[in-house]
Protein backbone atom coordinates (compact mmCIF):
# COMPACT_ATOMS: atom_id res chain seq x y z
CA MET A 1 12.85 -6.77 -20.22
CA ASP A 2 14.09 -9.38 -22.64
CA ILE A 3 12.07 -7.96 -25.52
CA GLY A 4 13.14 -4.44 -24.54
CA ARG A 5 16.75 -5.61 -24.56
CA LEU A 6 16.30 -7.06 -28.05
CA ILE A 7 14.61 -3.92 -29.41
CA GLY A 8 16.50 -1.12 -27.67
CA GLY A 9 19.47 -2.68 -25.95
CA GLU A 10 20.49 -2.56 -22.31
CA THR A 11 19.25 1.01 -21.82
CA LEU A 12 15.66 0.13 -22.72
CA ALA A 13 15.79 -2.99 -20.54
CA ILE A 14 16.92 -0.91 -17.55
CA ALA A 15 14.24 1.71 -18.25
CA ILE A 16 11.57 -1.02 -18.29
CA ALA A 17 12.85 -2.41 -14.97
CA ILE A 18 12.82 1.04 -13.36
CA ALA A 19 9.29 1.67 -14.63
CA GLY A 20 8.21 -1.64 -13.11
CA VAL A 21 9.65 -0.69 -9.73
CA ILE A 22 7.95 2.71 -9.83
CA GLY A 23 4.65 1.03 -10.73
CA ALA A 24 4.98 -1.46 -7.87
CA ILE A 25 5.70 1.31 -5.37
CA GLY A 26 2.70 3.27 -6.65
CA SER A 27 0.42 0.25 -6.37
CA PHE A 28 1.59 -0.46 -2.82
CA SER A 29 1.04 3.16 -1.79
CA THR A 30 -2.44 3.19 -3.30
CA LEU A 31 -3.39 -0.03 -1.52
CA MET A 32 -2.02 1.21 1.79
CA LEU A 33 -3.91 4.50 1.55
CA SER A 34 -7.17 2.88 0.48
CA PHE A 35 -7.00 0.12 3.10
CA SER A 36 -6.50 2.69 5.85
CA ARG A 37 -9.85 4.28 4.94
CA LEU A 38 -11.80 1.02 5.31
CA PRO A 39 -11.57 0.91 9.13
CA LEU A 40 -12.70 4.55 9.22
CA VAL A 41 -15.84 3.80 7.22
CA MET A 42 -16.51 0.59 9.13
CA ALA A 43 -16.22 2.49 12.43
CA GLU A 44 -18.60 5.17 11.17
CA ASP A 45 -21.09 2.44 10.21
CA GLY A 46 -20.75 0.74 13.61
CA TYR A 47 -18.88 -2.39 12.49
CA LEU A 48 -15.66 -1.43 14.32
CA PRO A 49 -15.07 0.49 17.55
CA ARG A 50 -15.48 4.27 17.25
CA VAL A 51 -11.79 4.81 18.03
CA PHE A 52 -11.01 3.94 14.38
CA ALA A 53 -13.07 6.94 13.27
CA ARG A 54 -10.79 9.46 15.01
CA GLN A 55 -9.35 11.95 12.56
CA ASN A 56 -6.60 14.52 12.71
CA SER A 57 -8.22 17.93 13.27
CA ARG A 58 -5.87 19.70 10.84
CA THR A 59 -5.70 17.21 7.93
CA GLY A 60 -8.76 15.02 8.41
CA ALA A 61 -6.62 11.89 8.10
CA PRO A 62 -7.94 8.90 10.05
CA TRP A 63 -4.78 8.57 12.15
CA VAL A 64 -5.91 5.65 14.31
CA ALA A 65 -6.95 3.62 11.26
CA ILE A 66 -3.66 4.46 9.51
CA ALA A 67 -1.62 3.48 12.57
CA ALA A 68 -3.54 0.21 12.99
CA CYS A 69 -3.09 -0.68 9.31
CA ALA A 70 0.62 0.17 9.43
CA ILE A 71 1.10 -2.06 12.47
CA LEU A 72 -0.77 -4.93 10.81
CA TRP A 73 1.22 -4.50 7.56
CA GLY A 74 4.43 -4.64 9.62
CA VAL A 75 3.32 -7.77 11.46
CA CYS A 76 2.31 -9.54 8.24
CA TYR A 77 5.34 -8.44 6.22
CA PRO A 78 7.67 -11.31 7.17
CA LEU A 79 5.02 -13.97 6.50
CA GLY A 80 5.64 -14.21 2.74
CA PHE A 81 3.63 -16.15 0.19
CA GLU A 82 5.49 -19.44 0.16
CA LYS A 83 4.21 -22.46 2.01
CA THR A 84 6.94 -24.09 4.08
């Protein structure tokens, strides 16, 4: 942002910050969607209980795996990265 501010002023600095936020949201969404498919594949291969392989009949989405991952993300969210 500092270099953007020097080159293009405050408008470019804000545009760079907004692009960074959009990129972070996209990365999080991609990770969440890909991690929800891992339990599905592991259940199909026999490494997790078969319940994780249940899919929505209309969309094919692995709803049990998605729900389990969402719950685990929610539980881990307040943990943070700092050691106290």
